[in-house]
Amino acid sequence: MCCGKYGELHVDHVKPRSLYPKLALKLTNLQILCRACNMGKSNRFNDDWRPKDWKTRLRVFLNIKAPRE
């Protein structure tokens, strides 16, 4: 999360769905923000506040094996 606060959490679109409707339901375009940060961000920014290891965390959460490199 951007500010690190907890409370009412929102699912945010990294790339705003109003500008990128095809990405609206893509897991790779979603992040969790507190209400204040999400409302402040609105649809003006493409700010990505996910942790650097978010892809690994998502794979673990979804129980998906990492692709071979």
PDB file of N, CA and C in Angstrom:
ATOM      1  N   MET A   1       0.838  -1.181   0.000  1.00  0.00           N
ATOM      2  CA  MET A   1       0.000   0.000   0.000  1.00  0.00           C
ATOM      3  C   MET A   1       0.879   1.239   0.000  1.00  0.00           C
ATOM      4  N   CYS A   2       0.351   2.304  -0.465  1.00  0.00           N
ATOM      5  CA  CYS A   2       1.162   3.505  -0.614  1.00  0.00           C
ATOM      6  C   CYS A   2       1.508   4.157   0.714  1.00  0.00           C
ATOM      7  N   CYS A   3       0.555   4.334   1.601  1.00  0.00           N
ATOM      8  CA  CYS A   3       0.835   5.043   2.850  1.00  0.00           C
ATOM      9  C   CYS A   3       1.054   4.091   4.020  1.00  0.00           C
ATOM     10  N   GLY A   4       0.728   2.825   3.846  1.00  0.00           N
ATOM     11  CA  GLY A   4       0.925   1.845   4.903  1.00  0.00           C
ATOM     12  C   GLY A   4      -0.192   1.784   5.923  1.00  0.00           C
ATOM     13  N   LYS A   5      -1.236   2.579   5.753  1.00  0.00           N
ATOM     14  CA  LYS A   5      -2.354   2.570   6.693  1.00  0.00           C
ATOM     15  C   LYS A   5      -3.295   1.416   6.381  1.00  0.00           C
ATOM     16  N   TYR A   6      -3.988   1.002   7.408  1.00  0.00           N
ATOM     17  CA  TYR A   6      -4.998  -0.038   7.232  1.00  0.00           C
ATOM     18  C   TYR A   6      -6.343   0.552   7.606  1.00  0.00           C
ATOM     19  N   GLY A   7      -7.354  -0.199   7.467  1.00  0.00           N
ATOM     20  CA  GLY A   7      -8.709   0.279   7.712  1.00  0.00           C
ATOM     21  C   GLY A   7      -9.545  -0.158   6.532  1.00  0.00           C
ATOM     22  N   GLU A   8     -10.278   0.762   5.968  1.00  0.00           N
ATOM     23  CA  GLU A   8     -11.079   0.443   4.789  1.00  0.00           C
ATOM     24  C   GLU A   8     -10.150   0.333   3.588  1.00  0.00           C
ATOM     25  N   LEU A   9     -10.074  -0.859   3.020  1.00  0.00           N
ATOM     26  CA  LEU A   9      -9.188  -1.091   1.882  1.00  0.00           C
ATOM     27  C   LEU A   9      -9.985  -1.146   0.586  1.00  0.00           C
ATOM     28  N   HIS A  10      -9.354  -0.707  -0.471  1.00  0.00           N
ATOM     29  CA  HIS A  10      -9.960  -0.709  -1.803  1.00  0.00           C
ATOM     30  C   HIS A  10      -9.068  -1.477  -2.766  1.00  0.00           C
ATOM     31  N   VAL A  11      -9.690  -2.104  -3.741  1.00  0.00           N
ATOM     32  CA  VAL A  11      -8.938  -2.672  -4.857  1.00  0.00           C
ATOM     33  C   VAL A  11      -8.785  -1.545  -5.870  1.00  0.00           C
ATOM     34  N   ASP A  12      -7.556  -1.277  -6.225  1.00  0.00           N
ATOM     35  CA  ASP A  12      -7.249  -0.184  -7.146  1.00  0.00           C
ATOM     36  C   ASP A  12      -6.730  -0.751  -8.454  1.00  0.00           C
ATOM     37  N   HIS A  13      -6.984  -0.045  -9.514  1.00  0.00           N
ATOM     38  CA  HIS A  13      -6.445  -0.396 -10.825  1.00  0.00           C
ATOM     39  C   HIS A  13      -5.192   0.439 -11.047  1.00  0.00           C
ATOM     40  N   VAL A  14      -4.046  -0.217 -11.219  1.00  0.00           N
ATOM     41  CA  VAL A  14      -2.787   0.495 -11.453  1.00  0.00           C
ATOM     42  C   VAL A  14      -2.961   1.412 -12.659  1.00  0.00           C
ATOM     43  N   LYS A  15      -3.392   0.830 -13.753  1.00  0.00           N
ATOM     44  CA  LYS A  15      -3.755   1.629 -14.926  1.00  0.00           C
ATOM     45  C   LYS A  15      -5.264   1.812 -14.847  1.00  0.00           C
ATOM     46  N   PRO A  16      -5.732   3.042 -14.729  1.00  0.00           N
ATOM     47  CA  PRO A  16      -7.157   3.298 -14.492  1.00  0.00           C
ATOM     48  C   PRO A  16      -8.067   2.608 -15.506  1.00  0.00           C
ATOM     49  N   ARG A  17      -9.135   2.011 -14.980  1.00  0.00           N
ATOM     50  CA  ARG A  17     -10.048   1.288 -15.874  1.00  0.00           C
ATOM     51  C   ARG A  17     -10.782   2.223 -16.821  1.00  0.00           C
ATOM     52  N   SER A  18     -10.917   3.493 -16.455  1.00  0.00           N
ATOM     53  CA  SER A  18     -11.564   4.439 -17.371  1.00  0.00           C
ATOM     54  C   SER A  18     -10.708   4.692 -18.606  1.00  0.00           C
ATOM     55  N   LEU A  19      -9.400   4.526 -18.458  1.00  0.00           N
ATOM     56  CA  LEU A  19      -8.489   4.734 -19.581  1.00  0.00           C
ATOM     57  C   LEU A  19      -8.053   3.428 -20.239  1.00  0.00           C
ATOM     58  N   TYR A  20      -8.094   2.336 -19.467  1.00  0.00           N
ATOM     59  CA  TYR A  20      -7.663   1.020 -19.955  1.00  0.00           C
ATOM     60  C   TYR A  20      -8.730  -0.024 -19.613  1.00  0.00           C
ATOM     61  N   PRO A  21      -9.908   0.050 -20.205  1.00  0.00           N
ATOM     62  CA  PRO A  21     -11.003  -0.853 -19.825  1.00  0.00           C
ATOM     63  C   PRO A  21     -10.683  -2.336 -20.015  1.00  0.00           C
ATOM     64  N   LYS A  22      -9.831  -2.671 -20.959  1.00  0.00           N
ATOM     65  CA  LYS A  22      -9.501  -4.083 -21.187  1.00  0.00           C
ATOM     66  C   LYS A  22      -8.670  -4.674 -20.048  1.00  0.00           C
ATOM     67  N   LEU A  23      -8.067  -3.824 -19.223  1.00  0.00           N
ATOM     68  CA  LEU A  23      -7.254  -4.298 -18.102  1.00  0.00           C
ATOM     69  C   LEU A  23      -8.027  -4.316 -16.783  1.00  0.00           C
ATOM     70  N   ALA A  24      -9.295  -3.980 -16.821  1.00  0.00           N
ATOM     71  CA  ALA A  24     -10.087  -3.809 -15.593  1.00  0.00           C
ATOM     72  C   ALA A  24     -10.064  -5.029 -14.679  1.00  0.00           C
ATOM     73  N   LEU A  25     -10.091  -6.224 -15.223  1.00  0.00           N
ATOM     74  CA  LEU A  25     -10.152  -7.430 -14.394  1.00  0.00           C
ATOM     75  C   LEU A  25      -8.870  -8.260 -14.433  1.00  0.00           C
ATOM     76  N   LYS A  26      -7.818  -7.712 -14.956  1.00  0.00           N
ATOM     77  CA  LYS A  26      -6.530  -8.416 -14.987  1.00  0.00           C
ATOM     78  C   LYS A  26      -5.875  -8.324 -13.613  1.00  0.00           C
ATOM     79  N   LEU A  27      -5.521  -9.460 -13.032  1.00  0.00           N
ATOM     80  CA  LEU A  27      -4.872  -9.458 -11.718  1.00  0.00           C
ATOM     81  C   LEU A  27      -3.590  -8.643 -11.719  1.00  0.00           C
ATOM     82  N   THR A  28      -2.912  -8.617 -12.842  1.00  0.00           N
ATOM     83  CA  THR A  28      -1.650  -7.881 -12.919  1.00  0.00           C
ATOM     84  C   THR A  28      -1.851  -6.368 -12.921  1.00  0.00           C
ATOM     85  N   ASN A  29      -3.091  -5.917 -13.001  1.00  0.00           N
ATOM     86  CA  ASN A  29      -3.381  -4.483 -12.984  1.00  0.00           C
ATOM     87  C   ASN A  29      -4.055  -4.051 -11.679  1.00  0.00           C
ATOM     88  N   LEU A  30      -4.097  -4.924 -10.691  1.00  0.00           N
ATOM     89  CA  LEU A  30      -4.781  -4.606  -9.442  1.00  0.00           C
ATOM     90  C   LEU A  30      -3.802  -4.473  -8.290  1.00  0.00           C
ATOM     91  N   GLN A  31      -4.142  -3.602  -7.355  1.00  0.00           N
ATOM     92  CA  GLN A  31      -3.370  -3.451  -6.127  1.00  0.00           C
ATOM     93  C   GLN A  31      -4.331  -3.042  -5.017  1.00  0.00           C
ATOM     94  N   ILE A  32      -3.912  -3.253  -3.780  1.00  0.00           N
ATOM     95  CA  ILE A  32      -4.722  -2.888  -2.624  1.00  0.00           C
ATOM     96  C   ILE A  32      -4.219  -1.559  -2.080  1.00  0.00           C
ATOM     97  N   LEU A  33      -5.121  -0.612  -1.928  1.00  0.00           N
ATOM     98  CA  LEU A  33      -4.791   0.690  -1.348  1.00  0.00           C
ATOM     99  C   LEU A  33      -5.800   1.019  -0.260  1.00  0.00           C
ATOM    100  N   CYS A  34      -5.386   1.865   0.669  1.00  0.00           N
ATOM    101  CA  CYS A  34      -6.356   2.356   1.639  1.00  0.00           C
ATOM    102  C   CYS A  34      -7.318   3.290   0.898  1.00  0.00           C
ATOM    103  N   ARG A  35      -8.447   3.544   1.514  1.00  0.00           N
ATOM    104  CA  ARG A  35      -9.471   4.374   0.879  1.00  0.00           C
ATOM    105  C   ARG A  35      -8.919   5.748   0.497  1.00  0.00           C
ATOM    106  N   ALA A  36      -8.198   6.378   1.418  1.00  0.00           N
ATOM    107  CA  ALA A  36      -7.695   7.734   1.171  1.00  0.00           C
ATOM    108  C   ALA A  36      -6.753   7.780  -0.032  1.00  0.00           C
ATOM    109  N   CYS A  37      -5.843   6.814  -0.109  1.00  0.00           N
ATOM    110  CA  CYS A  37      -4.898   6.798  -1.236  1.00  0.00           C
ATOM    111  C   CYS A  37      -5.609   6.497  -2.551  1.00  0.00           C
ATOM    112  N   ASN A  38      -6.551   5.566  -2.515  1.00  0.00           N
ATOM    113  CA  ASN A  38      -7.267   5.224  -3.736  1.00  0.00           C
ATOM    114  C   ASN A  38      -8.111   6.398  -4.223  1.00  0.00           C
ATOM    115  N   MET A  39      -8.814   7.038  -3.317  1.00  0.00           N
ATOM    116  CA  MET A  39      -9.656   8.163  -3.717  1.00  0.00           C
ATOM    117  C   MET A  39      -8.796   9.343  -4.177  1.00  0.00           C
ATOM    118  N   GLY A  40      -7.645   9.524  -3.552  1.00  0.00           N
ATOM    119  CA  GLY A  40      -6.753  10.609  -3.951  1.00  0.00           C
ATOM    120  C   GLY A  40      -6.117  10.361  -5.307  1.00  0.00           C
ATOM    121  N   LYS A  41      -5.859   9.098  -5.597  1.00  0.00           N
ATOM    122  CA  LYS A  41      -5.249   8.728  -6.873  1.00  0.00           C
ATOM    123  C   LYS A  41      -6.240   8.926  -8.011  1.00  0.00           C
ATOM    124  N   SER A  42      -7.481   8.577  -7.767  1.00  0.00           N
ATOM    125  CA  SER A  42      -8.539   8.679  -8.763  1.00  0.00           C
ATOM    126  C   SER A  42      -8.105   7.963 -10.042  1.00  0.00           C
ATOM    127  N   ASN A  43      -8.364   8.543 -11.196  1.00  0.00           N
ATOM    128  CA  ASN A  43      -7.957   7.898 -12.452  1.00  0.00           C
ATOM    129  C   ASN A  43      -6.884   8.712 -13.164  1.00  0.00           C
ATOM    130  N   ARG A  44      -6.182   9.536 -12.407  1.00  0.00           N
ATOM    131  CA  ARG A  44      -5.200  10.429 -13.023  1.00  0.00           C
ATOM    132  C   ARG A  44      -3.806   9.834 -13.140  1.00  0.00           C
ATOM    133  N   PHE A  45      -3.518   8.801 -12.381  1.00  0.00           N
ATOM    134  CA  PHE A  45      -2.149   8.310 -12.308  1.00  0.00           C
ATOM    135  C   PHE A  45      -2.054   6.830 -12.642  1.00  0.00           C
ATOM    136  N   ASN A  46      -0.869   6.409 -13.029  1.00  0.00           N
ATOM    137  CA  ASN A  46      -0.558   4.994 -13.228  1.00  0.00           C
ATOM    138  C   ASN A  46       0.409   4.538 -12.141  1.00  0.00           C
ATOM    139  N   ASP A  47       0.229   5.036 -10.925  1.00  0.00           N
ATOM    140  CA  ASP A  47       1.152   4.719  -9.837  1.00  0.00           C
ATOM    141  C   ASP A  47       1.001   3.277  -9.382  1.00  0.00           C
ATOM    142  N   ASP A  48       2.115   2.608  -9.283  1.00  0.00           N
ATOM    143  CA  ASP A  48       2.149   1.217  -8.846  1.00  0.00           C
ATOM    144  C   ASP A  48       2.847   1.166  -7.494  1.00  0.00           C
ATOM    145  N   TRP A  49       2.074   0.945  -6.431  1.00  0.00           N
ATOM    146  CA  TRP A  49       2.623   0.908  -5.083  1.00  0.00           C
ATOM    147  C   TRP A  49       2.752  -0.513  -4.553  1.00  0.00           C
ATOM    148  N   ARG A  50       2.660  -1.493  -5.432  1.00  0.00           N
ATOM    149  CA  ARG A  50       2.796  -2.875  -4.976  1.00  0.00           C
ATOM    150  C   ARG A  50       4.239  -3.144  -4.571  1.00  0.00           C
ATOM    151  N   PRO A  51       4.438  -4.095  -3.638  1.00  0.00           N
ATOM    152  CA  PRO A  51       5.816  -4.445  -3.274  1.00  0.00           C
ATOM    153  C   PRO A  51       6.547  -5.031  -4.475  1.00  0.00           C
ATOM    154  N   LYS A  52       7.854  -4.924  -4.470  1.00  0.00           N
ATOM    155  CA  LYS A  52       8.648  -5.388  -5.614  1.00  0.00           C
ATOM    156  C   LYS A  52       8.442  -6.873  -5.912  1.00  0.00           C
ATOM    157  N   ASP A  53       8.116  -7.646  -4.887  1.00  0.00           N
ATOM    158  CA  ASP A  53       7.920  -9.084  -5.088  1.00  0.00           C
ATOM    159  C   ASP A  53       6.439  -9.456  -5.244  1.00  0.00           C
ATOM    160  N   TRP A  54       5.635  -8.537  -5.745  1.00  0.00           N
ATOM    161  CA  TRP A  54       4.197  -8.785  -5.826  1.00  0.00           C
ATOM    162  C   TRP A  54       3.852  -9.971  -6.718  1.00  0.00           C
ATOM    163  N   LYS A  55       4.621 -10.197  -7.772  1.00  0.00           N
ATOM    164  CA  LYS A  55       4.323 -11.326  -8.660  1.00  0.00           C
ATOM    165  C   LYS A  55       4.533 -12.647  -7.928  1.00  0.00           C
ATOM    166  N   THR A  56       5.593 -12.728  -7.139  1.00  0.00           N
ATOM    167  CA  THR A  56       5.848 -13.935  -6.355  1.00  0.00           C
ATOM    168  C   THR A  56       4.739 -14.140  -5.333  1.00  0.00           C
ATOM    169  N   ARG A  57       4.353 -13.082  -4.648  1.00  0.00           N
ATOM    170  CA  ARG A  57       3.282 -13.178  -3.652  1.00  0.00           C
ATOM    171  C   ARG A  57       1.970 -13.632  -4.286  1.00  0.00           C
ATOM    172  N   LEU A  58       1.677 -13.126  -5.469  1.00  0.00           N
ATOM    173  CA  LEU A  58       0.446 -13.511  -6.156  1.00  0.00           C
ATOM    174  C   LEU A  58       0.487 -14.986  -6.540  1.00  0.00           C
ATOM    175  N   ARG A  59       1.632 -15.445  -7.044  1.00  0.00           N
ATOM    176  CA  ARG A  59       1.753 -16.864  -7.409  1.00  0.00           C
ATOM    177  C   ARG A  59       1.571 -17.758  -6.187  1.00  0.00           C
ATOM    178  N   VAL A  60       2.159 -17.374  -5.062  1.00  0.00           N
ATOM    179  CA  VAL A  60       2.014 -18.157  -3.833  1.00  0.00           C
ATOM    180  C   VAL A  60       0.550 -18.165  -3.401  1.00  0.00           C
ATOM    181  N   PHE A  61      -0.071 -17.007  -3.422  1.00  0.00           N
ATOM    182  CA  PHE A  61      -1.474 -16.900  -3.021  1.00  0.00           C
ATOM    183  C   PHE A  61      -2.370 -17.766  -3.899  1.00  0.00           C
ATOM    184  N   LEU A  62      -2.104 -17.764  -5.193  1.00  0.00           N
ATOM    185  CA  LEU A  62      -2.922 -18.529  -6.136  1.00  0.00           C
ATOM    186  C   LEU A  62      -2.417 -19.956  -6.330  1.00  0.00           C
ATOM    187  N   ASN A  63      -1.316 -20.295  -5.651  1.00  0.00           N
ATOM    188  CA  ASN A  63      -0.713 -21.625  -5.743  1.00  0.00           C
ATOM    189  C   ASN A  63      -0.333 -21.960  -7.190  1.00  0.00           C
ATOM    190  N   ILE A  64       0.347 -21.022  -7.828  1.00  0.00           N
ATOM    191  CA  ILE A  64       0.801 -21.184  -9.207  1.00  0.00           C
ATOM    192  C   ILE A  64       2.323 -21.292  -9.202  1.00  0.00           C
ATOM    193  N   LYS A  65       2.847 -22.250  -9.931  1.00  0.00           N
ATOM    194  CA  LYS A  65       4.297 -22.407 -10.006  1.00  0.00           C
ATOM    195  C   LYS A  65       4.903 -21.315 -10.874  1.00  0.00           C
ATOM    196  N   ALA A  66       6.088 -20.887 -10.493  1.00  0.00           N
ATOM    197  CA  ALA A  66       6.800 -19.852 -11.250  1.00  0.00           C
ATOM    198  C   ALA A  66       7.198 -20.404 -12.612  1.00  0.00           C
ATOM    199  N   PRO A  67       7.156 -19.558 -13.641  1.00  0.00           N
ATOM    200  CA  PRO A  67       7.588 -20.019 -14.969  1.00  0.00           C
ATOM    201  C   PRO A  67       9.078 -20.310 -14.971  1.00  0.00           C
ATOM    202  N   ARG A  68       9.470 -21.273 -15.771  1.00  0.00           N
ATOM    203  CA  ARG A  68      10.896 -21.605 -15.891  1.00  0.00           C
ATOM    204  C   ARG A  68      11.590 -20.566 -16.739  1.00  0.00           C
ATOM    205  N   GLU A  69      12.777 -20.226 -16.316  1.00  0.00           N
ATOM    206  CA  GLU A  69      13.545 -19.218 -17.077  1.00  0.00           C
ATOM    207  C   GLU A  69      14.668 -19.860 -17.830  1.00  0.00           C
TER     208      GLU A  69
END
